[in-house]
Amino acid sequence: MLVNSRGALTAGVLAAASALLLSACGGSAEDDDKGDGDSSASTTLSMWVDAERAPALEDAVASFKKDKGVEVKLVIKDFQAARDDFITQVSAGKGPDLIVGPHDWVGKFVQNGVVAPLELGDKAAQFEDAAVQAMTYEGKTYGLPYAIENVALVRNTALLPEPSKTMDEVVAAGKKVVDAGKAKFPFLVGLDPKQGDPYHLYGIQTSYGVPVFERNAEGDYDPAKLGLGNPGGVEFAKDLAAWSKAGALNPNITADIAKDSFNKGESPYFLTGPWNIPDMEKAGIKVAIDPIPTGGSEAATPFIGVNGFFISAKAKNALAASEFTLNYLSTEAAQDALFAQGGRPPALKASFEKAAADPVVAAFGEIGKSGAPMPAIPQMDAVWAD
């Protein structure tokens, strides 16, 4: 686990200093000067959050206001535009004090100097190691994690009661169900006609020994060393073509179409994440969560995505922002609420243990243990689109 401690206060000292400052005057005169003329700026924080997560944060916001007299305004922001808008606004001395987002935004944030390091201190041990590692960039931790997500192979047990291990076996089993007239598609994964889907297919890709970026001696992703063109990558490409001819991969079946088709019982398999499970349950589909099938001879290593909270490098009251993040968003109550709202396995160990009472959550979590954090380096932008 990489947790930075150089030149930073520990979480305990930060919390104590913040509490004293907030209880005394709600912020310093210097903080007030950063409020663009708003005299209440030092006692009001703003957080950019998407509509899905906002309701889960309301209790933490209310507790913080009651305890510290500091209001946190939740500003609903479109997820697709949030990262770049945050960079633009903070670079201009504007924008929110905090933002919710995935860990792979970190590289771009650091590159543009718009986020502040966050010293987790002893709290780091309360979170899954992979979650803290994902929030760590060039030796410093920049975010407080709250959820870990990864994909797995979801199987309709009414159509196929037993799992398959390899992708060839999955396709063959799926075709038998289709040939028997019980399903329409042997296998589903949401693709894009122009871009495919390098995210969902990554676990299968890695079974050929094909990472998108190789790692350097320190274990960090090296953007100068692409792994895609190695011999395993060629074999992966050939097998993609073969599975396409077998009807298992269709670029015209988008994520929405794949989800709708699976929920109608039209396929025994859907390669997807925990975010789609609630709608499957509503549709009455009984599912099992299987490991990602392999195509090559190595283990399938899916991407791990970690969601968390980041503090602006130009927050109006950095101490208040740290206090809220470290001591209110890290609690079991807050992390439990985020899980209940979004269904993504919690990053906080205590919250995950409770959530894992659900076998679906436990299965996704177990599969995620073999995964790798999505590279947070800025060059990763080029992977998602040509």
Protein backbone atom coordinates (compact mmCIF):
# COMPACT_ATOMS: atom_id res chain seq x y z
CA MET A 1 0.00 0.00 0.00
CA LEU A 2 1.36 3.40 -0.96
CA VAL A 3 0.38 6.13 1.46
CA ASN A 4 2.25 9.41 1.33
CA SER A 5 3.42 10.96 4.59
CA ARG A 6 6.02 13.48 3.43
CA GLY A 7 5.41 17.09 4.36
CA ALA A 8 1.80 16.48 5.39
CA LEU A 9 -0.09 16.57 8.69
CA THR A 10 -1.45 13.28 9.93
CA ALA A 11 -5.20 12.74 9.74
CA GLY A 12 -5.48 13.14 13.50
CA VAL A 13 -3.67 16.46 13.58
CA LEU A 14 -5.66 17.68 10.60
CA ALA A 15 -8.91 16.75 12.31
CA ALA A 16 -7.94 18.42 15.57
CA ALA A 17 -6.73 21.59 13.89
CA SER A 18 -9.82 21.72 11.73
CA ALA A 19 -12.17 21.23 14.67
CA LEU A 20 -10.52 24.00 16.67
CA LEU A 21 -10.57 26.40 13.76
CA LEU A 22 -14.14 25.65 12.79
CA SER A 23 -15.49 25.90 16.32
CA ALA A 24 -13.68 29.16 16.93
CA CYS A 25 -14.62 31.18 13.90
CA GLY A 26 -15.83 29.04 11.01
CA GLY A 27 -12.72 29.80 8.94
CA SER A 28 -9.84 32.20 8.75
CA ALA A 29 -9.77 35.69 7.32
CA GLU A 30 -7.55 34.35 4.57
CA ASP A 31 -10.23 31.79 3.68
CA ASP A 32 -12.83 34.56 3.47
CA ASP A 33 -10.67 36.39 0.95
CA LYS A 34 -10.95 33.39 -1.38
CA GLY A 35 -14.73 33.52 -1.50
CA ASP A 36 -15.14 35.89 -4.46
CA GLY A 37 -16.76 38.47 -2.24
CA ASP A 38 -19.08 36.01 -0.48
CA SER A 39 -18.70 36.58 3.26
CA SER A 40 -20.22 33.14 3.98
CA ALA A 41 -17.72 31.31 1.79
CA SER A 42 -15.61 30.05 4.70
CA THR A 43 -18.60 28.35 6.33
CA THR A 44 -20.00 26.89 3.11
CA LEU A 45 -18.44 24.17 0.99
CA SER A 46 -19.66 22.98 -2.38
CA MET A 47 -19.38 19.49 -3.80
CA TRP A 48 -19.98 18.36 -7.35
CA VAL A 49 -21.84 15.07 -7.36
CA ASP A 50 -23.99 13.15 -9.83
CA ALA A 51 -27.72 12.71 -9.25
CA GLU A 52 -27.37 9.05 -8.24
CA ARG A 53 -25.00 9.64 -5.33
CA ALA A 54 -26.40 12.91 -3.98
CA PRO A 55 -29.21 11.42 -1.84
CA ALA A 56 -26.75 9.08 -0.11
CA LEU A 57 -24.67 12.05 1.09
CA GLU A 58 -27.47 14.04 2.68
CA ASP A 59 -27.09 12.55 6.17
CA ALA A 60 -23.32 13.18 6.25
CA VAL A 61 -23.93 16.75 5.09
CA ALA A 62 -26.55 17.30 7.80
CA SER A 63 -24.28 15.89 10.51
CA PHE A 64 -21.39 18.10 9.45
CA LYS A 65 -23.54 21.22 9.53
CA LYS A 66 -24.92 20.29 12.96
CA ASP A 67 -21.49 19.52 14.44
CA LYS A 68 -19.34 22.17 12.77
CA GLY A 69 -21.72 24.82 11.51
CA VAL A 70 -20.43 24.34 7.97
CA GLU A 71 -22.87 23.73 5.15
CA VAL A 72 -21.97 21.51 2.22
CA LYS A 73 -23.95 22.31 -0.90
CA LEU A 74 -24.41 19.32 -3.19
CA VAL A 75 -24.31 20.54 -6.78
CA ILE A 76 -25.66 18.01 -9.29
CA LYS A 77 -23.23 17.70 -12.19
CA ASP A 78 -23.34 15.61 -15.34
CA PHE A 79 -20.80 12.84 -14.86
CA GLN A 80 -19.50 12.96 -18.43
CA ALA A 81 -18.61 16.65 -18.20
CA ALA A 82 -17.55 16.84 -14.55
CA ARG A 83 -13.83 16.03 -14.85
CA ASP A 84 -12.97 18.51 -17.59
CA ASP A 85 -15.21 21.22 -16.15
CA PHE A 86 -13.54 20.77 -12.76
CA ILE A 87 -10.09 21.18 -14.30
CA THR A 88 -11.14 24.29 -16.21
CA GLN A 89 -12.85 26.01 -13.31
CA VAL A 90 -10.35 25.19 -10.57
CA SER A 91 -7.50 26.30 -12.84
CA ALA A 92 -9.28 29.66 -13.04
CA GLY A 93 -9.68 29.88 -9.25
CA LYS A 94 -13.32 28.83 -9.31
CA GLY A 95 -15.18 25.54 -9.14
CA PRO A 96 -16.27 23.43 -6.15
CA ASP A 97 -14.38 22.60 -3.00
CA LEU A 98 -14.90 18.86 -3.47
CA ILE A 99 -15.83 16.50 -6.27
CA VAL A 100 -16.97 12.88 -6.47
CA GLY A 101 -15.43 10.75 -9.18
CA PRO A 102 -13.43 7.68 -10.24
CA HIS A 103 -9.78 7.19 -9.41
CA ASP A 104 -8.64 7.29 -13.02
CA TRP A 105 -9.29 11.03 -13.04
CA VAL A 106 -6.37 11.50 -10.65
CA GLY A 107 -3.58 11.67 -13.24
CA LYS A 108 -5.31 14.43 -15.18
CA PHE A 109 -6.13 16.26 -11.95
CA VAL A 110 -2.52 16.13 -10.77
CA GLN A 111 -1.18 17.06 -14.18
CA ASN A 112 -3.28 20.24 -14.04
CA GLY A 113 -2.63 20.96 -10.35
CA VAL A 114 -6.30 21.02 -9.37
CA VAL A 115 -6.44 18.54 -6.46
CA ALA A 116 -4.78 18.56 -3.05
CA PRO A 117 -3.08 15.50 -1.52
CA LEU A 118 -5.10 13.83 1.22
CA GLU A 119 -3.27 12.31 4.18
CA LEU A 120 -5.30 9.29 5.28
CA GLY A 121 -2.98 8.42 8.14
CA ASP A 122 -4.28 5.58 10.29
CA LYS A 123 -7.54 5.57 8.35
CA ALA A 124 -5.81 3.98 5.37
CA ALA A 125 -5.86 0.61 7.12
CA GLN A 126 -9.66 0.79 7.36
CA PHE A 127 -9.97 0.63 3.58
CA GLU A 128 -9.25 -2.15 1.11
CA ASP A 129 -5.60 -1.97 0.00
CA ALA A 130 -6.54 -1.89 -3.68
CA ALA A 131 -8.77 1.13 -3.08
CA VAL A 132 -5.99 3.13 -1.43
CA GLN A 133 -3.50 2.11 -4.12
CA ALA A 134 -5.88 3.28 -6.82
CA MET A 135 -6.15 6.69 -5.18
CA THR A 136 -2.36 6.96 -4.98
CA TYR A 137 -0.47 8.68 -7.78
CA GLU A 138 3.29 9.22 -7.92
CA GLY A 139 3.61 8.39 -4.23
CA LYS A 140 0.82 10.62 -2.91
CA THR A 141 -2.77 9.79 -2.02
CA TYR A 142 -5.33 12.18 -3.50
CA GLY A 143 -8.74 10.76 -2.72
CA LEU A 144 -10.86 9.07 -0.07
CA PRO A 145 -12.29 5.88 -1.62
CA TYR A 146 -15.85 4.75 -1.05
CA ALA A 147 -16.55 2.03 -3.63
CA ILE A 148 -14.74 -0.60 -5.66
CA GLU A 149 -16.27 -1.91 -8.85
CA ASN A 150 -15.39 -4.43 -11.49
CA VAL A 151 -17.14 -6.56 -14.04
CA ALA A 152 -17.89 -10.28 -13.91
CA LEU A 153 -19.80 -12.80 -16.00
CA VAL A 154 -23.44 -12.74 -14.93
CA ARG A 155 -25.27 -15.98 -15.75
CA ASN A 156 -29.01 -16.57 -15.99
CA THR A 157 -29.29 -19.77 -13.93
CA ALA A 158 -32.67 -20.67 -15.44
CA LEU A 159 -31.00 -20.98 -18.85
CA LEU A 160 -27.64 -22.37 -17.74
CA PRO A 161 -27.34 -23.89 -14.24
CA GLU A 162 -23.59 -24.60 -14.47
CA PRO A 163 -20.68 -22.19 -15.10
CA SER A 164 -18.07 -22.37 -17.85
CA LYS A 165 -14.44 -21.38 -17.45
CA THR A 166 -13.16 -20.39 -20.90
CA MET A 167 -14.61 -18.00 -23.42
CA ASP A 168 -14.85 -20.78 -26.02
CA GLU A 169 -16.87 -22.86 -23.52
CA VAL A 170 -19.10 -19.87 -22.76
CA VAL A 171 -19.82 -19.28 -26.45
CA ALA A 172 -20.50 -22.98 -27.06
CA ALA A 173 -22.85 -23.24 -24.09
CA GLY A 174 -24.64 -20.08 -25.11
CA LYS A 175 -25.10 -21.32 -28.68
CA LYS A 176 -26.69 -24.54 -27.40
CA VAL A 177 -29.28 -22.50 -25.52
CA VAL A 178 -29.96 -20.42 -28.63
CA ASP A 179 -30.18 -23.50 -30.85
CA ALA A 180 -32.67 -25.01 -28.40
CA GLY A 181 -34.89 -21.96 -28.92
CA LYS A 182 -34.58 -20.81 -25.31
CA ALA A 183 -32.58 -17.62 -25.99
CA LYS A 184 -31.80 -15.14 -28.74
CA PHE A 185 -28.16 -14.34 -27.98
CA PRO A 186 -25.42 -16.74 -26.81
CA PHE A 187 -23.49 -14.00 -24.98
CA LEU A 188 -23.98 -10.31 -24.31
CA VAL A 189 -21.64 -7.41 -23.64
CA GLY A 190 -22.38 -3.79 -24.39
CA LEU A 191 -20.29 -2.66 -27.35
CA ASP A 192 -20.02 0.51 -29.37
CA PRO A 193 -20.09 0.47 -33.19
CA LYS A 194 -17.06 2.78 -33.37
CA GLN A 195 -15.08 2.13 -30.22
CA GLY A 196 -15.86 -1.45 -29.18
CA ASP A 197 -15.39 -1.73 -25.42
CA PRO A 198 -11.84 -1.89 -24.06
CA TYR A 199 -13.20 -1.74 -20.50
CA HIS A 200 -15.49 -4.77 -20.34
CA LEU A 201 -13.27 -6.94 -22.54
CA TYR A 202 -10.07 -6.13 -20.65
CA GLY A 203 -10.27 -9.13 -18.32
CA ILE A 204 -10.46 -11.50 -21.28
CA GLN A 205 -7.64 -9.58 -22.99
CA THR A 206 -5.30 -10.00 -20.04
CA SER A 207 -5.72 -13.76 -20.12
CA TYR A 208 -3.58 -13.58 -23.28
CA GLY A 209 -0.85 -11.74 -21.36
CA VAL A 210 -1.83 -8.41 -22.91
CA PRO A 211 -1.93 -5.38 -20.58
CA VAL A 212 -2.70 -2.01 -22.08
CA PHE A 213 0.41 -0.55 -20.40
CA GLU A 214 3.36 -2.44 -18.97
CA ARG A 215 4.59 -1.53 -15.47
CA ASN A 216 7.96 -0.09 -14.51
CA ALA A 217 10.28 -1.26 -11.74
CA GLU A 218 8.26 0.69 -9.14
CA GLY A 219 5.06 -1.05 -10.20
CA ASP A 220 3.57 2.04 -11.86
CA TYR A 221 2.02 2.01 -15.32
CA ASP A 222 4.55 3.12 -17.96
CA PRO A 223 2.91 5.02 -20.84
CA ALA A 224 6.01 4.47 -22.98
CA LYS A 225 5.50 0.69 -22.92
CA LEU A 226 2.34 -0.47 -24.66
CA GLY A 227 1.48 -4.14 -24.33
CA LEU A 228 -1.28 -4.28 -26.91
CA GLY A 229 0.89 -5.21 -29.88
CA ASN A 230 2.58 -8.25 -28.39
CA PRO A 231 1.99 -11.78 -29.79
CA GLY A 232 -0.79 -12.39 -27.27
CA GLY A 233 -2.55 -9.28 -28.54
CA VAL A 234 -2.59 -10.72 -32.04
CA GLU A 235 -4.14 -13.96 -30.75
CA PHE A 236 -6.72 -11.96 -28.81
CA ALA A 237 -7.69 -10.07 -31.96
CA LYS A 238 -8.07 -13.32 -33.91
CA ASP A 239 -10.32 -14.79 -31.23
CA LEU A 240 -12.46 -11.64 -31.12
CA ALA A 241 -13.09 -12.17 -34.82
CA ALA A 242 -13.96 -15.81 -34.27
CA TRP A 243 -16.41 -15.02 -31.46
CA SER A 244 -17.97 -12.37 -33.63
CA LYS A 245 -18.55 -14.92 -36.43
CA ALA A 246 -20.11 -17.23 -33.84
CA GLY A 247 -22.61 -14.49 -32.97
CA ALA A 248 -21.25 -13.82 -29.49
CA LEU A 249 -19.94 -10.32 -30.18
CA ASN A 250 -21.99 -7.79 -32.10
CA PRO A 251 -20.85 -4.13 -32.17
CA ASN A 252 -24.43 -3.03 -32.83
CA ILE A 253 -25.55 -4.38 -29.45
CA THR A 254 -24.94 -1.39 -27.22
CA ALA A 255 -24.87 -1.40 -23.43
CA ASP A 256 -28.56 -0.46 -23.22
CA ILE A 257 -29.61 -3.12 -25.72
CA ALA A 258 -27.53 -5.77 -23.96
CA LYS A 259 -29.05 -4.90 -20.59
CA ASP A 260 -32.60 -4.89 -21.91
CA SER A 261 -32.11 -8.19 -23.76
CA PHE A 262 -30.64 -9.95 -20.72
CA ASN A 263 -33.42 -8.69 -18.47
CA LYS A 264 -35.93 -10.16 -20.93
CA GLY A 265 -34.28 -13.56 -20.58
CA GLU A 266 -32.88 -13.49 -24.11
CA SER A 267 -29.34 -14.59 -23.22
CA PRO A 268 -27.71 -16.85 -20.62
CA TYR A 269 -24.70 -14.52 -20.22
CA PHE A 270 -24.04 -10.82 -19.68
CA LEU A 271 -20.54 -9.45 -19.06
CA THR A 272 -21.28 -6.47 -16.82
CA GLY A 273 -20.91 -4.90 -13.38
CA PRO A 274 -22.90 -4.75 -10.13
CA TRP A 275 -24.65 -1.55 -11.22
CA ASN A 276 -26.99 -3.60 -13.43
CA ILE A 277 -27.92 -6.22 -10.82
CA PRO A 278 -30.86 -4.30 -9.24
CA ASP A 279 -32.70 -4.11 -12.57
CA MET A 280 -32.08 -7.81 -13.18
CA GLU A 281 -33.66 -8.59 -9.83
CA LYS A 282 -36.62 -6.35 -10.62
CA ALA A 283 -37.06 -8.26 -13.88
CA GLY A 284 -37.15 -11.54 -11.97
CA ILE A 285 -33.93 -12.92 -13.45
CA LYS A 286 -32.15 -15.37 -11.15
CA VAL A 287 -28.40 -14.92 -11.58
CA ALA A 288 -25.06 -16.33 -10.56
CA ILE A 289 -21.84 -14.35 -10.69
CA ASP A 290 -19.04 -16.22 -12.45
CA PRO A 291 -15.38 -15.27 -12.90
CA ILE A 292 -14.48 -13.64 -16.19
CA PRO A 293 -13.85 -16.41 -18.74
CA THR A 294 -10.34 -16.77 -20.12
CA GLY A 295 -9.32 -16.85 -23.76
CA GLY A 296 -5.61 -17.35 -23.26
CA SER A 297 -3.64 -19.43 -20.79
CA GLU A 298 -3.28 -16.78 -18.07
CA ALA A 299 -5.69 -15.56 -15.41
CA ALA A 300 -8.29 -12.97 -16.35
CA THR A 301 -7.46 -9.66 -14.65
CA PRO A 302 -10.35 -7.18 -14.95
CA PHE A 303 -10.01 -3.48 -14.41
CA ILE A 304 -10.87 -2.26 -10.93
CA GLY A 305 -12.54 1.12 -10.71
CA VAL A 306 -12.47 2.98 -7.38
CA ASN A 307 -14.81 5.88 -6.74
CA GLY A 308 -14.00 8.51 -4.17
CA PHE A 309 -13.91 12.10 -2.98
CA PHE A 310 -11.31 14.68 -4.02
CA ILE A 311 -10.51 18.08 -2.53
CA SER A 312 -9.84 21.03 -4.79
CA ALA A 313 -6.35 22.52 -4.66
CA LYS A 314 -8.11 25.87 -4.34
CA ALA A 315 -10.78 24.96 -1.81
CA LYS A 316 -12.11 28.03 0.02
CA ASN A 317 -11.63 26.30 3.37
CA ALA A 318 -9.19 23.42 2.96
CA LEU A 319 -9.35 22.46 6.63
CA ALA A 320 -13.14 22.19 6.58
CA ALA A 321 -12.99 20.18 3.37
CA SER A 322 -10.44 17.80 4.92
CA GLU A 323 -12.48 17.47 8.11
CA PHE A 324 -15.63 16.61 6.18
CA THR A 325 -13.84 14.14 3.91
CA LEU A 326 -11.72 12.37 6.51
CA ASN A 327 -14.16 12.21 9.40
CA TYR A 328 -17.64 12.25 7.87
CA LEU A 329 -17.37 10.59 4.46
CA SER A 330 -15.18 7.80 5.85
CA THR A 331 -17.72 6.58 8.38
CA GLU A 332 -19.61 3.31 8.14
CA ALA A 333 -22.87 5.24 8.00
CA ALA A 334 -21.76 7.26 4.97
CA GLN A 335 -20.25 4.30 3.14
CA ASP A 336 -23.26 2.11 3.94
CA ALA A 337 -25.57 4.77 2.51
CA LEU A 338 -23.53 5.03 -0.68
CA PHE A 339 -23.69 1.26 -1.11
CA ALA A 340 -27.44 1.19 -0.51
CA GLN A 341 -27.91 3.90 -3.14
CA GLY A 342 -25.60 2.62 -5.86
CA GLY A 343 -25.02 -1.07 -5.19
CA ARG A 344 -21.26 -0.83 -5.62
CA PRO A 345 -19.19 -2.78 -3.05
CA PRO A 346 -17.87 -0.43 -0.34
CA ALA A 347 -14.17 0.39 -0.08
CA LEU A 348 -14.41 0.62 3.72
CA LYS A 349 -13.70 -2.86 5.08
CA ALA A 350 -16.35 -2.73 7.80
CA SER A 351 -19.02 -1.68 5.33
CA PHE A 352 -17.97 -4.30 2.80
CA GLU A 353 -18.22 -7.07 5.40
CA LYS A 354 -21.86 -6.17 5.94
CA ALA A 355 -22.61 -5.77 2.24
CA ALA A 356 -20.96 -9.13 1.48
CA ALA A 357 -23.80 -10.90 3.28
CA ASP A 358 -25.35 -10.65 -0.18
CA PRO A 359 -23.72 -13.44 -2.24
CA VAL A 360 -23.79 -11.28 -5.36
CA VAL A 361 -21.75 -8.56 -3.65
CA ALA A 362 -19.40 -11.15 -2.20
CA ALA A 363 -18.85 -12.72 -5.63
CA PHE A 364 -18.07 -9.42 -7.34
CA GLY A 365 -15.72 -8.56 -4.49
CA GLU A 366 -13.89 -11.87 -4.77
CA ILE A 367 -13.43 -11.47 -8.52
CA GLY A 368 -12.21 -7.92 -8.00
CA LYS A 369 -9.38 -9.17 -5.79
CA SER A 370 -7.68 -10.51 -8.92
CA GLY A 371 -8.13 -7.24 -10.78
CA ALA A 372 -5.88 -4.27 -11.44
CA PRO A 373 -6.72 -0.58 -10.92
CA MET A 374 -7.43 1.22 -14.17
CA PRO A 375 -4.34 3.27 -15.08
CA ALA A 376 -4.77 6.83 -13.81
CA ILE A 377 -2.06 8.24 -16.07
CA PRO A 378 -3.28 11.00 -18.44
CA GLN A 379 -2.37 8.86 -21.45
CA MET A 380 -5.25 6.54 -20.56
CA ASP A 381 -7.60 9.02 -22.26
CA ALA A 382 -6.40 7.70 -25.61
CA VAL A 383 -7.41 4.16 -24.68
CA TRP A 384 -11.12 4.92 -24.36
CA ALA A 385 -11.49 6.51 -27.78
CA ASP A 386 -9.57 6.40 -31.03
